[in-house]
Amino acid sequence: MGKYNNLMRFARKATPAINVVEKWEKLIRAKAVPEPPFWQAIKAAPPYRRPFNHGGKLQEITFPEDRLMKLYRKRNPDWKDEVFKRHRRAAEADERTRGDMFVTQWQKYMEGGLQQEEAYSKVDSEFRAMEGKSKEKKLQAEADLIVKGKHPEFEKWLEEEEKYVQEAYELHRLTWEAERRAARVAEDVRKEQEALAASEVATEKAKKPLTRRQYVAKMVAEKEAADAAAKAQEDK
C-alpha cells in the first residue's frame, strides 16, 4: 500500500495541470466542435483547476498578543496550572486565564507609551499585590471558619485525626503486648537454663567418688532412717 501511495504521489507531481476551459475554447474557435449552450456561463464562472495551484506555504498570521503570550509563558512556567474561567463575562473579554488578563493589561500599557519590560514589571507588581490580598483574605476567612468550627473541611479533619489517634493507640497496645510476651518468654528461658545448669551440677557431683567422711555420713543417715522405720513398725 505504501508503494502505491508513493506512485500516485509521483504521478500527480509529474502530470501537468490541464485547463479544460482553455482547451474547449480553442476547439470552439477552430470550429472543431459546436459551442454548447452553457459555454458563456462556464466562461463567466470557470471551474477550479485540478490539481489546485497555490502560491506555496500559507503565511502564518500572528498578533501582538501572541508574542506577549509566548514571553509570559516563558517567564511563568506554571501557566499550565492556571484556572480556566468559563463565565460569560470572561469569554466576552477573551480573558479566560490569568495569562490572558496579564497579556491584555500588558498590551494596554505598551500602547499607552511604556516600554515592554517596564510595562511587564508594572503589570506583574499589580497582579502580585492583587493576588496577595486575595490570598490573605482567603486565609483569614478560613481561619475564622476554623475558629468557629464551621469550616467545610472541619469534620473531615476531625475524622482523620480520630483515625490517626486510633491507629496510634492500637500500635501502642500491640507494642506493649509484644514486649510483655517477649519478657515472659525470656523469663521462661532463664528458668529453664538455671534448672538445666543445676541438674548438670548434680549429675557431675553424683559421678564423683565419695570421700571417707561423705561415706560415713551417708551410712549413718541410712542407719538412722532404718531404725526409725523399724521403731515405727513396732509401735503399730
Protein backbone atom coordinates (compact mmCIF):
# COMPACT_ATOMS: atom_id res chain seq x y z
CA MET A 1 0.00 0.00 0.00
CA GLY A 2 2.88 2.33 0.76
CA LYS A 3 4.42 1.80 -2.67
CA TYR A 4 1.06 2.50 -4.33
CA ASN A 5 0.64 5.79 -2.44
CA ASN A 6 4.16 6.87 -3.37
CA LEU A 7 3.49 6.02 -7.03
CA MET A 8 0.25 8.04 -7.07
CA ARG A 9 2.01 10.97 -5.42
CA PHE A 10 4.75 10.86 -8.07
CA ALA A 11 2.14 10.63 -10.86
CA ARG A 12 0.31 13.69 -9.54
CA LYS A 13 3.56 15.66 -9.47
CA ALA A 14 4.60 14.51 -12.94
CA THR A 15 1.20 15.12 -14.60
CA PRO A 16 0.84 18.74 -15.71
CA ALA A 17 -2.32 20.64 -14.82
CA ILE A 18 -4.83 20.62 -17.72
CA ASN A 19 -7.06 23.66 -18.20
CA VAL A 20 -10.21 22.13 -19.68
CA VAL A 21 -11.82 25.54 -20.33
CA GLU A 22 -8.88 26.77 -22.43
CA LYS A 23 -8.81 23.50 -24.38
CA TRP A 24 -12.53 23.72 -25.22
CA GLU A 25 -12.19 27.40 -26.08
CA LYS A 26 -9.53 26.55 -28.69
CA LEU A 27 -11.73 23.82 -30.15
CA ILE A 28 -14.74 26.17 -30.37
CA ARG A 29 -12.67 28.92 -32.02
CA ALA A 30 -11.37 26.43 -34.57
CA LYS A 31 -14.98 25.36 -35.28
CA ALA A 32 -13.97 21.82 -34.36
CA VAL A 33 -16.95 21.47 -32.02
CA PRO A 34 -20.17 23.49 -31.78
CA GLU A 35 -20.48 25.96 -28.94
CA PRO A 36 -22.54 24.41 -26.09
CA PRO A 37 -25.48 26.46 -24.77
CA PHE A 38 -23.87 26.70 -21.33
CA TRP A 39 -20.48 27.85 -22.64
CA GLN A 40 -20.89 31.53 -21.73
CA ALA A 41 -21.86 30.60 -18.15
CA ILE A 42 -18.77 28.41 -17.82
CA LYS A 43 -16.56 31.22 -19.11
CA ALA A 44 -18.12 33.62 -16.60
CA ALA A 45 -17.52 31.23 -13.66
CA PRO A 46 -14.82 28.74 -14.67
CA PRO A 47 -14.33 25.64 -12.51
CA TYR A 48 -11.34 25.15 -10.25
CA ARG A 49 -8.24 23.73 -11.82
CA ARG A 50 -7.09 20.33 -10.64
CA PRO A 51 -4.72 19.84 -9.07
CA PHE A 52 -5.12 23.14 -7.28
CA ASN A 53 -2.33 25.64 -7.68
CA HIS A 54 -1.38 27.95 -4.83
CA GLY A 55 1.43 30.29 -4.07
CA GLY A 56 3.29 27.95 -1.74
CA LYS A 57 3.15 27.75 2.03
CA LEU A 58 0.46 29.90 3.59
CA GLN A 59 1.76 32.78 5.62
CA GLU A 60 1.14 32.46 9.34
CA ILE A 61 -0.97 35.24 10.81
CA THR A 62 0.41 36.49 14.13
CA PHE A 63 -0.91 39.11 16.52
CA PRO A 64 0.99 41.19 19.10
CA GLU A 65 -0.79 39.25 21.84
CA ASP A 66 0.75 36.01 20.60
CA ARG A 67 4.30 37.29 21.06
CA LEU A 68 3.49 38.65 24.51
CA MET A 69 1.82 35.37 25.48
CA LYS A 70 4.96 33.44 24.49
CA LEU A 71 7.05 35.71 26.71
CA TYR A 72 4.56 35.34 29.56
CA ARG A 73 4.62 31.54 29.37
CA LYS A 74 8.42 31.53 29.23
CA ARG A 75 8.65 33.68 32.37
CA ASN A 76 5.84 31.84 34.19
CA PRO A 77 6.46 28.07 33.86
CA ASP A 78 3.38 27.26 35.96
CA TRP A 79 1.00 28.81 33.42
CA LYS A 80 -0.45 25.34 32.68
CA ASP A 81 -1.92 25.22 36.21
CA GLU A 82 -3.91 28.42 35.80
CA VAL A 83 -7.68 28.24 36.33
CA PHE A 84 -9.74 28.42 33.13
CA LYS A 85 -12.67 30.85 33.58
CA ARG A 86 -15.86 29.76 31.85
CA HIS A 87 -18.30 32.53 32.79
CA ARG A 88 -19.78 34.76 30.08
CA ARG A 89 -18.01 38.00 31.02
CA ALA A 90 -14.57 36.38 30.82
CA ALA A 91 -15.45 34.78 27.47
CA GLU A 92 -16.62 38.09 26.01
CA ALA A 93 -13.45 39.87 27.15
CA ASP A 94 -11.30 36.94 25.97
CA GLU A 95 -9.76 36.72 29.45
CA ARG A 96 -10.17 33.07 30.28
CA THR A 97 -6.96 32.63 32.31
CA ARG A 98 -4.55 34.71 34.36
CA GLY A 99 -2.24 34.81 31.36
CA ASP A 100 -4.96 36.29 29.13
CA MET A 101 -5.68 39.08 31.61
CA PHE A 102 -1.97 39.68 32.16
CA VAL A 103 -1.22 39.97 28.44
CA THR A 104 -4.24 42.23 27.84
CA GLN A 105 -3.12 44.67 30.54
CA TRP A 106 0.49 44.41 29.35
CA GLN A 107 -0.52 45.39 25.81
CA LYS A 108 -2.60 48.33 27.10
CA TYR A 109 0.37 49.77 28.96
CA MET A 110 2.60 49.32 25.89
CA GLU A 111 0.02 51.08 23.72
CA GLY A 112 -0.02 53.84 26.34
CA GLY A 113 3.67 54.53 25.75
CA LEU A 114 5.51 52.29 28.21
CA GLN A 115 8.39 50.10 27.11
CA GLN A 116 7.89 46.33 27.04
CA GLU A 117 9.90 45.48 30.19
CA GLU A 118 8.60 48.50 32.08
CA ALA A 119 5.02 47.55 31.25
CA TYR A 120 5.68 43.93 32.25
CA SER A 121 7.12 44.95 35.63
CA LYS A 122 4.14 47.21 36.30
CA VAL A 123 1.56 44.54 35.44
CA ASP A 124 3.48 41.90 37.40
CA SER A 125 3.60 44.06 40.55
CA GLU A 126 -0.12 44.86 40.23
CA PHE A 127 -1.07 41.21 39.84
CA ARG A 128 1.15 40.11 42.73
CA ALA A 129 -0.35 42.74 45.03
CA MET A 130 -3.89 41.83 44.00
CA GLU A 131 -3.29 38.09 44.37
CA GLY A 132 -1.53 38.61 47.72
CA LYS A 133 -4.53 40.48 49.13
CA SER A 134 -6.91 37.87 47.74
CA LYS A 135 -4.85 35.05 49.26
CA GLU A 136 -4.63 36.87 52.60
CA LYS A 137 -8.41 37.38 52.67
CA LYS A 138 -8.97 33.73 51.82
CA LEU A 139 -6.64 32.54 54.58
CA GLN A 140 -8.25 34.89 57.10
CA ALA A 141 -11.73 33.66 56.14
CA GLU A 142 -10.62 30.05 56.51
CA ALA A 143 -9.06 30.83 59.90
CA ASP A 144 -12.33 32.41 61.08
CA LEU A 145 -14.29 29.36 59.95
CA ILE A 146 -11.85 27.04 61.73
CA VAL A 147 -12.18 29.02 64.97
CA LYS A 148 -15.97 28.86 64.71
CA GLY A 149 -15.88 25.18 63.79
CA LYS A 150 -17.77 25.82 60.56
CA HIS A 151 -15.07 25.09 58.02
CA PRO A 152 -16.32 22.70 55.30
CA GLU A 153 -13.26 20.51 55.88
CA PHE A 154 -13.58 20.63 59.69
CA GLU A 155 -15.49 17.35 60.05
CA LYS A 156 -13.12 15.67 57.63
CA TRP A 157 -10.13 16.86 59.66
CA LEU A 158 -11.70 15.56 62.88
CA GLU A 159 -12.37 12.16 61.30
CA GLU A 160 -8.81 11.94 60.01
CA GLU A 161 -7.40 12.97 63.39
CA GLU A 162 -9.56 10.41 65.20
CA LYS A 163 -8.43 7.73 62.76
CA TYR A 164 -4.77 8.61 63.36
CA VAL A 165 -5.30 8.57 67.15
CA GLN A 166 -6.94 5.14 66.97
CA GLU A 167 -4.11 3.83 64.82
CA ALA A 168 -1.53 5.19 67.28
CA TYR A 169 -3.39 3.66 70.25
CA GLU A 170 -3.63 0.29 68.51
CA LEU A 171 0.07 0.40 67.64
CA HIS A 172 0.93 1.25 71.26
CA ARG A 173 -1.22 -1.65 72.54
CA LEU A 174 0.33 -4.15 70.13
CA THR A 175 3.83 -2.96 71.04
CA TRP A 176 3.10 -3.28 74.78
CA GLU A 177 1.70 -6.81 74.34
CA ALA A 178 4.69 -7.83 72.24
CA GLU A 179 7.11 -6.52 74.86
CA ARG A 180 5.23 -8.35 77.66
CA ARG A 181 5.22 -11.56 75.65
CA ALA A 182 8.92 -11.24 74.93
CA ALA A 183 9.64 -10.65 78.65
CA ARG A 184 7.69 -13.79 79.67
CA VAL A 185 9.49 -15.87 77.07
CA ALA A 186 12.86 -14.54 78.28
CA GLU A 187 11.94 -15.38 81.92
CA ASP A 188 10.92 -18.94 80.98
CA VAL A 189 14.14 -19.43 79.06
CA ARG A 190 16.17 -18.14 82.03
CA LYS A 191 14.44 -20.55 84.45
CA GLU A 192 14.97 -23.47 82.09
CA GLN A 193 18.64 -22.61 81.76
CA GLU A 194 19.02 -22.37 85.56
CA ALA A 195 17.27 -25.74 86.08
CA LEU A 196 19.42 -27.35 83.41
CA ALA A 197 22.57 -25.94 84.99
CA ALA A 198 21.52 -27.23 88.45
CA SER A 199 20.79 -30.71 87.09
CA GLU A 200 24.14 -30.76 85.33
CA VAL A 201 25.88 -29.81 88.60
CA ALA A 202 24.03 -32.58 90.48
CA THR A 203 24.94 -35.11 87.80
CA GLU A 204 28.58 -34.11 87.97
CA LYS A 205 28.54 -34.45 91.77
CA ALA A 206 26.96 -37.90 91.56
CA LYS A 207 29.64 -39.07 89.19
CA LYS A 208 32.46 -38.15 91.61
CA PRO A 209 33.58 -40.85 94.24
CA LEU A 210 32.57 -40.15 97.88
CA THR A 211 35.21 -39.23 100.37
CA ARG A 212 35.53 -41.19 103.65
CA ARG A 213 33.67 -38.55 105.60
CA GLN A 214 30.85 -38.41 103.00
CA TYR A 215 30.61 -42.23 103.02
CA VAL A 216 30.36 -42.38 106.86
CA ALA A 217 27.75 -39.63 106.87
CA LYS A 218 25.74 -41.48 104.24
CA MET A 219 25.86 -44.77 106.16
CA VAL A 220 24.83 -43.06 109.41
CA ALA A 221 21.91 -41.38 107.68
CA GLU A 222 20.74 -44.65 106.14
CA LYS A 223 21.01 -46.47 109.53
CA GLU A 224 19.05 -43.75 111.29
CA ALA A 225 16.38 -43.96 108.65
CA ALA A 226 16.19 -47.76 109.00
CA ASP A 227 15.97 -47.58 112.82
CA ALA A 228 13.23 -45.00 112.61
CA ALA A 229 11.26 -47.19 110.22
CA ALA A 230 11.67 -50.27 112.48
CA LYS A 231 10.56 -48.36 115.56
CA ALA A 232 7.52 -47.09 113.77
CA GLN A 233 6.66 -50.66 112.78
CA GLU A 234 6.96 -51.89 116.40
CA ASP A 235 4.70 -49.13 117.67
CA LYS A 236 1.98 -50.33 115.32
